[in-house]
C-alpha cells in the first residue's frame, strides 16, 4: 500500500473496478477502466497519485477499493465529517492549529509535500462569523499559473477546512501575485525533496 503523507511506494496494481481520476496537471476528469494496470507512486493525504502509461492521475482515497486497498483515512474523514455535521454551527471559534493542520493535509499531486510546506498558502485568516463560529479566508497560489489542478486544490482546501470544528464558512482565492517560486518551500520540505 502507498504510504501516507507523500511517501513513495512504487507498486503496480490492477484496478478492481472502474473509477474516476483527475489527470495531472491538466485537471481533466477521466474514467480509468477495471482491469487497467496502474503504478501507485505515492499517497498524498487522502489521495493517490498513479502512473498509467507515463501519464499521472490523482485518485481519491474514497476510491481506494478500486486499487484493491482499504482506505482507513477516507473512512476516518467520513466519520469526522459526520461528527462535525452533528455539532451546532455556533460551537465557538475555530482553533488555529486545527485550521493549519487541515491546510497541511492538502497536497499538490505532483510534489510529495503539503501546500503549507510548499509555500502555496499566502494568507489564512480566521475571522468571527455572523452566525457564531468562524469564517476562514485563504489566499493561495499554484506552483505554475497555468496548472489545471487549481480548481481541484481549491475544492480540496475548502472541503477540509469545513470539517474543522467551529468553521462555518470558507473562502479560498487563487492569487498569482507575488508569483510562487521554489524559495517559498520550507526548510523541512527542501530537506525531504533533497534540495538542501
C-alpha atoms as a PDB file:
ATOM      1  CA  UNK A   1       0.000   0.000   0.000  1.00  0.00           C
ATOM      2  CA  UNK A   2       1.171   3.502  -0.736  1.00  0.00           C
ATOM      3  CA  UNK A   3       2.436   5.287   2.313  1.00  0.00           C
ATOM      4  CA  UNK A   4       0.571   8.209   3.801  1.00  0.00           C
ATOM      5  CA  UNK A   5       1.820  11.779   3.797  1.00  0.00           C
ATOM      6  CA  UNK A   6       3.572  11.829   0.462  1.00  0.00           C
ATOM      7  CA  UNK A   7       5.927   8.919   0.938  1.00  0.00           C
ATOM      8  CA  UNK A   8       6.708   6.913  -2.149  1.00  0.00           C
ATOM      9  CA  UNK A   9       5.579   3.326  -2.651  1.00  0.00           C
ATOM     10  CA  UNK A  10       6.163   2.343  -6.234  1.00  0.00           C
ATOM     11  CA  UNK A  11       3.803  -0.641  -6.638  1.00  0.00           C
ATOM     12  CA  UNK A  12       1.713  -1.969  -9.519  1.00  0.00           C
ATOM     13  CA  UNK A  13      -1.914  -2.972  -9.047  1.00  0.00           C
ATOM     14  CA  UNK A  14      -4.781  -3.885 -11.338  1.00  0.00           C
ATOM     15  CA  UNK A  15      -7.929  -1.786 -10.959  1.00  0.00           C
ATOM     16  CA  UNK A  16     -10.687  -3.835  -9.340  1.00  0.00           C
ATOM     17  CA  UNK A  17     -13.441  -1.631 -10.808  1.00  0.00           C
ATOM     18  CA  UNK A  18     -13.895   1.455 -12.978  1.00  0.00           C
ATOM     19  CA  UNK A  19     -13.063   4.654 -11.127  1.00  0.00           C
ATOM     20  CA  UNK A  20     -12.862   8.364 -11.761  1.00  0.00           C
ATOM     21  CA  UNK A  21      -9.470  10.050 -11.683  1.00  0.00           C
ATOM     22  CA  UNK A  22      -8.121  13.513 -12.383  1.00  0.00           C
ATOM     23  CA  UNK A  23      -5.380  13.818 -14.980  1.00  0.00           C
ATOM     24  CA  UNK A  24      -2.331  15.701 -13.683  1.00  0.00           C
ATOM     25  CA  UNK A  25      -1.530  18.516 -14.458  1.00  0.00           C
ATOM     26  CA  UNK A  26      -4.463  19.285 -16.795  1.00  0.00           C
ATOM     27  CA  UNK A  27      -7.153  18.710 -14.159  1.00  0.00           C
ATOM     28  CA  UNK A  28      -9.279  16.769 -16.648  1.00  0.00           C
ATOM     29  CA  UNK A  29     -11.706  14.242 -15.150  1.00  0.00           C
ATOM     30  CA  UNK A  30     -11.266  10.785 -16.724  1.00  0.00           C
ATOM     31  CA  UNK A  31     -12.563   7.274 -16.148  1.00  0.00           C
ATOM     32  CA  UNK A  32      -9.983   4.533 -15.575  1.00  0.00           C
ATOM     33  CA  UNK A  33     -11.324   1.097 -16.530  1.00  0.00           C
ATOM     34  CA  UNK A  34     -11.486  -2.078 -14.482  1.00  0.00           C
ATOM     35  CA  UNK A  35      -8.542  -4.360 -15.299  1.00  0.00           C
ATOM     36  CA  UNK A  36      -6.169  -1.490 -16.116  1.00  0.00           C
ATOM     37  CA  UNK A  37      -2.711  -1.832 -14.570  1.00  0.00           C
ATOM     38  CA  UNK A  38      -1.656   1.261 -12.622  1.00  0.00           C
ATOM     39  CA  UNK A  39       1.509   2.063 -10.725  1.00  0.00           C
ATOM     40  CA  UNK A  40       0.883   3.719  -7.347  1.00  0.00           C
ATOM     41  CA  UNK A  41       3.584   6.343  -6.990  1.00  0.00           C
ATOM     42  CA  UNK A  42       2.565   7.975  -3.730  1.00  0.00           C
ATOM     43  CA  UNK A  43      -0.171   8.654  -1.283  1.00  0.00           C
ATOM     44  CA  UNK A  44      -0.741  12.342  -0.643  1.00  0.00           C
ATOM     45  CA  UNK A  45      -3.091  12.904   2.273  1.00  0.00           C
ATOM     46  CA  UNK A  46      -6.309  11.190   1.258  1.00  0.00           C
ATOM     47  CA  UNK A  47      -5.424  10.869  -2.443  1.00  0.00           C
ATOM     48  CA  UNK A  48      -3.209   8.604  -4.513  1.00  0.00           C
ATOM     49  CA  UNK A  49      -1.006   9.612  -7.442  1.00  0.00           C
ATOM     50  CA  UNK A  50      -0.779   6.839 -10.016  1.00  0.00           C
ATOM     51  CA  UNK A  51       1.034   6.388 -13.304  1.00  0.00           C
ATOM     52  CA  UNK A  52      -0.742   4.840 -16.268  1.00  0.00           C
ATOM     53  CA  UNK A  53       1.316   4.537 -19.436  1.00  0.00           C
ATOM     54  CA  UNK A  54       3.501   7.508 -18.492  1.00  0.00           C
ATOM     55  CA  UNK A  55       0.587   9.757 -17.523  1.00  0.00           C
ATOM     56  CA  UNK A  56      -0.161  10.855 -13.951  1.00  0.00           C
ATOM     57  CA  UNK A  57      -3.599  10.679 -12.347  1.00  0.00           C
ATOM     58  CA  UNK A  58      -4.965  11.572  -8.931  1.00  0.00           C
ATOM     59  CA  UNK A  59      -7.376   9.027  -7.421  1.00  0.00           C
ATOM     60  CA  UNK A  60      -9.475   9.990  -4.414  1.00  0.00           C
ATOM     61  CA  UNK A  61      -8.996   7.950  -1.244  1.00  0.00           C
ATOM     62  CA  UNK A  62     -12.694   7.073  -1.352  1.00  0.00           C
ATOM     63  CA  UNK A  63     -11.846   5.017  -4.451  1.00  0.00           C
ATOM     64  CA  UNK A  64      -9.021   3.111  -2.752  1.00  0.00           C
ATOM     65  CA  UNK A  65     -11.066  -0.082  -3.102  1.00  0.00           C
ATOM     66  CA  UNK A  66     -10.619   0.216  -6.872  1.00  0.00           C
ATOM     67  CA  UNK A  67      -6.891  -0.056  -6.166  1.00  0.00           C
ATOM     68  CA  UNK A  68      -7.534  -3.125  -4.027  1.00  0.00           C
ATOM     69  CA  UNK A  69      -6.785  -1.178  -0.835  1.00  0.00           C
ATOM     70  CA  UNK A  70      -8.773  -0.381   2.262  1.00  0.00           C
ATOM     71  CA  UNK A  71      -8.503   3.336   2.922  1.00  0.00           C
ATOM     72  CA  UNK A  72      -8.762   3.961   6.642  1.00  0.00           C
ATOM     73  CA  UNK A  73      -8.064   7.688   6.171  1.00  0.00           C
ATOM     74  CA  UNK A  74     -11.123   8.159   3.930  1.00  0.00           C
ATOM     75  CA  UNK A  75     -13.283   6.273   6.434  1.00  0.00           C
ATOM     76  CA  UNK A  76     -11.864   8.409   9.243  1.00  0.00           C
ATOM     77  CA  UNK A  77     -12.554  11.579   7.229  1.00  0.00           C
ATOM     78  CA  UNK A  78     -16.142  10.448   6.644  1.00  0.00           C
ATOM     79  CA  UNK A  79     -16.581   9.785  10.364  1.00  0.00           C
ATOM     80  CA  UNK A  80     -15.069  13.187  11.208  1.00  0.00           C
ATOM     81  CA  UNK A  81     -17.402  14.888   8.721  1.00  0.00           C
ATOM     82  CA  UNK A  82     -20.387  13.114  10.276  1.00  0.00           C
ATOM     83  CA  UNK A  83     -19.308  14.195  13.751  1.00  0.00           C
ATOM     84  CA  UNK A  84     -18.772  17.784  12.660  1.00  0.00           C
ATOM     85  CA  UNK A  85     -22.186  17.849  10.973  1.00  0.00           C
ATOM     86  CA  UNK A  86     -23.890  16.900  14.229  1.00  0.00           C
ATOM     87  CA  UNK A  87     -22.231  19.720  16.168  1.00  0.00           C
ATOM     88  CA  UNK A  88     -24.016  23.039  16.430  1.00  0.00           C
ATOM     89  CA  UNK A  89     -22.996  25.641  13.870  1.00  0.00           C
ATOM     90  CA  UNK A  90     -22.098  28.143  16.593  1.00  0.00           C
ATOM     91  CA  UNK A  91     -19.785  25.838  18.548  1.00  0.00           C
ATOM     92  CA  UNK A  92     -17.266  28.635  19.063  1.00  0.00           C
ATOM     93  CA  UNK A  93     -14.245  29.900  17.185  1.00  0.00           C
ATOM     94  CA  UNK A  94     -12.098  27.534  15.176  1.00  0.00           C
ATOM     95  CA  UNK A  95      -8.748  26.512  16.595  1.00  0.00           C
ATOM     96  CA  UNK A  96      -5.844  27.981  14.571  1.00  0.00           C
ATOM     97  CA  UNK A  97      -3.810  24.776  14.888  1.00  0.00           C
ATOM     98  CA  UNK A  98      -6.707  22.678  13.578  1.00  0.00           C
ATOM     99  CA  UNK A  99      -7.084  25.064  10.623  1.00  0.00           C
ATOM    100  CA  UNK A 100      -3.360  24.840   9.842  1.00  0.00           C
ATOM    101  CA  UNK A 101      -3.459  21.031  10.152  1.00  0.00           C
ATOM    102  CA  UNK A 102      -6.386  20.907   7.704  1.00  0.00           C
ATOM    103  CA  UNK A 103      -4.417  23.007   5.196  1.00  0.00           C
ATOM    104  CA  UNK A 104      -1.363  20.783   5.722  1.00  0.00           C
ATOM    105  CA  UNK A 105      -3.433  17.738   4.718  1.00  0.00           C
ATOM    106  CA  UNK A 106      -3.770  19.152   1.164  1.00  0.00           C
ATOM    107  CA  UNK A 107      -1.138  18.235  -1.419  1.00  0.00           C
ATOM    108  CA  UNK A 108      -0.020  19.258  -4.873  1.00  0.00           C
ATOM    109  CA  UNK A 109      -0.367  15.878  -6.647  1.00  0.00           C
ATOM    110  CA  UNK A 110       2.996  16.150  -8.389  1.00  0.00           C
ATOM    111  CA  UNK A 111       5.093  17.019  -5.336  1.00  0.00           C
ATOM    112  CA  UNK A 112       5.054  14.899  -2.165  1.00  0.00           C
ATOM    113  CA  UNK A 113       4.842  17.948   0.109  1.00  0.00           C
ATOM    114  CA  UNK A 114       1.743  19.634   1.538  1.00  0.00           C
ATOM    115  CA  UNK A 115       0.645  23.074   0.304  1.00  0.00           C
ATOM    116  CA  UNK A 116       1.701  24.819   3.533  1.00  0.00           C
ATOM    117  CA  UNK A 117       5.266  23.472   3.398  1.00  0.00           C
ATOM    118  CA  UNK A 118       5.398  24.243  -0.343  1.00  0.00           C
ATOM    119  CA  UNK A 119       4.636  27.883   0.457  1.00  0.00           C
ATOM    120  CA  UNK A 120       1.444  27.928  -1.626  1.00  0.00           C
ATOM    121  CA  UNK A 121      -0.655  29.453   1.181  1.00  0.00           C
ATOM    122  CA  UNK A 122      -0.080  33.220   1.192  1.00  0.00           C
ATOM    123  CA  UNK A 123      -2.762  34.174   3.715  1.00  0.00           C
ATOM    124  CA  UNK A 124      -5.053  32.346   6.120  1.00  0.00           C
ATOM    125  CA  UNK A 125      -7.296  34.463   8.339  1.00  0.00           C
ATOM    126  CA  UNK A 126      -9.727  33.082  10.897  1.00  0.00           C
ATOM    127  CA  UNK A 127     -12.475  35.648  11.396  1.00  0.00           C
ATOM    128  CA  UNK A 128     -15.631  35.720  13.516  1.00  0.00           C
ATOM    129  CA  UNK A 129     -18.694  34.505  11.629  1.00  0.00           C
ATOM    130  CA  UNK A 130     -22.012  36.363  11.957  1.00  0.00           C
ATOM    131  CA  UNK A 131     -23.706  33.082  12.989  1.00  0.00           C
ATOM    132  CA  UNK A 132     -21.084  32.256  15.606  1.00  0.00           C
ATOM    133  CA  UNK A 133     -18.035  30.133  14.980  1.00  0.00           C
ATOM    134  CA  UNK A 134     -15.510  31.218  12.385  1.00  0.00           C
ATOM    135  CA  UNK A 135     -15.104  32.168   8.761  1.00  0.00           C
ATOM    136  CA  UNK A 136     -11.777  31.186   7.182  1.00  0.00           C
ATOM    137  CA  UNK A 137     -10.329  33.179   4.294  1.00  0.00           C
ATOM    138  CA  UNK A 138      -7.408  31.729   2.349  1.00  0.00           C
ATOM    139  CA  UNK A 139      -5.292  33.217  -0.416  1.00  0.00           C
ATOM    140  CA  UNK A 140      -3.213  30.568  -2.119  1.00  0.00           C
ATOM    141  CA  UNK A 141      -1.321  30.106  -5.331  1.00  0.00           C
ATOM    142  CA  UNK A 142      -0.072  27.309  -7.569  1.00  0.00           C
ATOM    143  CA  UNK A 143       3.443  26.220  -8.465  1.00  0.00           C
ATOM    144  CA  UNK A 144       2.635  27.210 -12.075  1.00  0.00           C
ATOM    145  CA  UNK A 145      -0.048  29.756 -13.086  1.00  0.00           C
ATOM    146  CA  UNK A 146      -1.404  27.587 -15.918  1.00  0.00           C
ATOM    147  CA  UNK A 147      -1.765  24.447 -13.800  1.00  0.00           C
ATOM    148  CA  UNK A 148      -5.125  22.777 -14.404  1.00  0.00           C
ATOM    149  CA  UNK A 149      -5.188  21.447 -10.831  1.00  0.00           C
ATOM    150  CA  UNK A 150      -6.083  24.848  -9.352  1.00  0.00           C
ATOM    151  CA  UNK A 151      -9.812  24.191  -9.060  1.00  0.00           C
ATOM    152  CA  UNK A 152      -9.114  20.721  -7.645  1.00  0.00           C
ATOM    153  CA  UNK A 153      -6.823  22.121  -4.938  1.00  0.00           C
ATOM    154  CA  UNK A 154      -9.275  24.929  -4.066  1.00  0.00           C
ATOM    155  CA  UNK A 155     -12.078  22.374  -3.652  1.00  0.00           C
ATOM    156  CA  UNK A 156      -9.833  20.157  -1.534  1.00  0.00           C
ATOM    157  CA  UNK A 157      -8.852  23.077   0.747  1.00  0.00           C
ATOM    158  CA  UNK A 158     -12.465  24.232   1.127  1.00  0.00           C
ATOM    159  CA  UNK A 159     -13.738  20.707   1.891  1.00  0.00           C
ATOM    160  CA  UNK A 160     -11.082  20.032   4.519  1.00  0.00           C
ATOM    161  CA  UNK A 161     -11.439  23.406   6.231  1.00  0.00           C
ATOM    162  CA  UNK A 162     -15.217  22.959   6.502  1.00  0.00           C
ATOM    163  CA  UNK A 163     -14.555  19.801   8.541  1.00  0.00           C
ATOM    164  CA  UNK A 164     -12.726  21.781  11.240  1.00  0.00           C
ATOM    165  CA  UNK A 165     -14.961  22.285  14.302  1.00  0.00           C
ATOM    166  CA  UNK A 166     -16.113  25.884  14.540  1.00  0.00           C
ATOM    167  CA  UNK A 167     -15.581  26.675  10.827  1.00  0.00           C
ATOM    168  CA  UNK A 168     -18.906  27.732   9.317  1.00  0.00           C
ATOM    169  CA  UNK A 169     -17.731  29.181   6.012  1.00  0.00           C
ATOM    170  CA  UNK A 170     -14.611  29.201   3.861  1.00  0.00           C
ATOM    171  CA  UNK A 171     -13.460  31.476   1.066  1.00  0.00           C
ATOM    172  CA  UNK A 172     -10.458  30.318  -0.975  1.00  0.00           C
ATOM    173  CA  UNK A 173      -8.958  32.636  -3.585  1.00  0.00           C
ATOM    174  CA  UNK A 174      -6.279  31.717  -6.104  1.00  0.00           C
ATOM    175  CA  UNK A 175      -3.779  34.568  -6.403  1.00  0.00           C
ATOM    176  CA  UNK A 176      -0.714  34.862  -8.596  1.00  0.00           C
ATOM    177  CA  UNK A 177       0.958  37.933  -7.172  1.00  0.00           C
ATOM    178  CA  UNK A 178       3.605  37.550  -5.995  1.00  0.00           C
ATOM    179  CA  UNK A 179       4.463  34.629  -8.267  1.00  0.00           C
ATOM    180  CA  UNK A 180       5.405  31.429  -6.466  1.00  0.00           C
ATOM    181  CA  UNK A 181       8.981  30.173  -6.699  1.00  0.00           C
ATOM    182  CA  UNK A 182      10.993  27.433  -5.005  1.00  0.00           C
ATOM    183  CA  UNK A 183      12.374  29.854  -2.396  1.00  0.00           C
ATOM    184  CA  UNK A 184       8.948  29.673  -0.686  1.00  0.00           C
ATOM    185  CA  UNK A 185       9.421  25.971   0.158  1.00  0.00           C
ATOM    186  CA  UNK A 186      10.089  25.406   3.873  1.00  0.00           C
ATOM    187  CA  UNK A 187      13.464  24.121   5.022  1.00  0.00           C
ATOM    188  CA  UNK A 188      11.898  20.833   6.180  1.00  0.00           C
ATOM    189  CA  UNK A 189      10.305  20.333   2.751  1.00  0.00           C
ATOM    190  CA  UNK A 190      13.566  21.227   0.999  1.00  0.00           C
ATOM    191  CA  UNK A 191      15.293  18.546   3.035  1.00  0.00           C
ATOM    192  CA  UNK A 192      12.575  15.994   2.165  1.00  0.00           C
ATOM    193  CA  UNK A 193      12.853  16.865  -1.539  1.00  0.00           C
ATOM    194  CA  UNK A 194      16.667  16.742  -1.497  1.00  0.00           C
ATOM    195  CA  UNK A 195      17.012  20.445  -2.255  1.00  0.00           C
ATOM    196  CA  UNK A 196      19.412  21.188   0.628  1.00  0.00           C
END
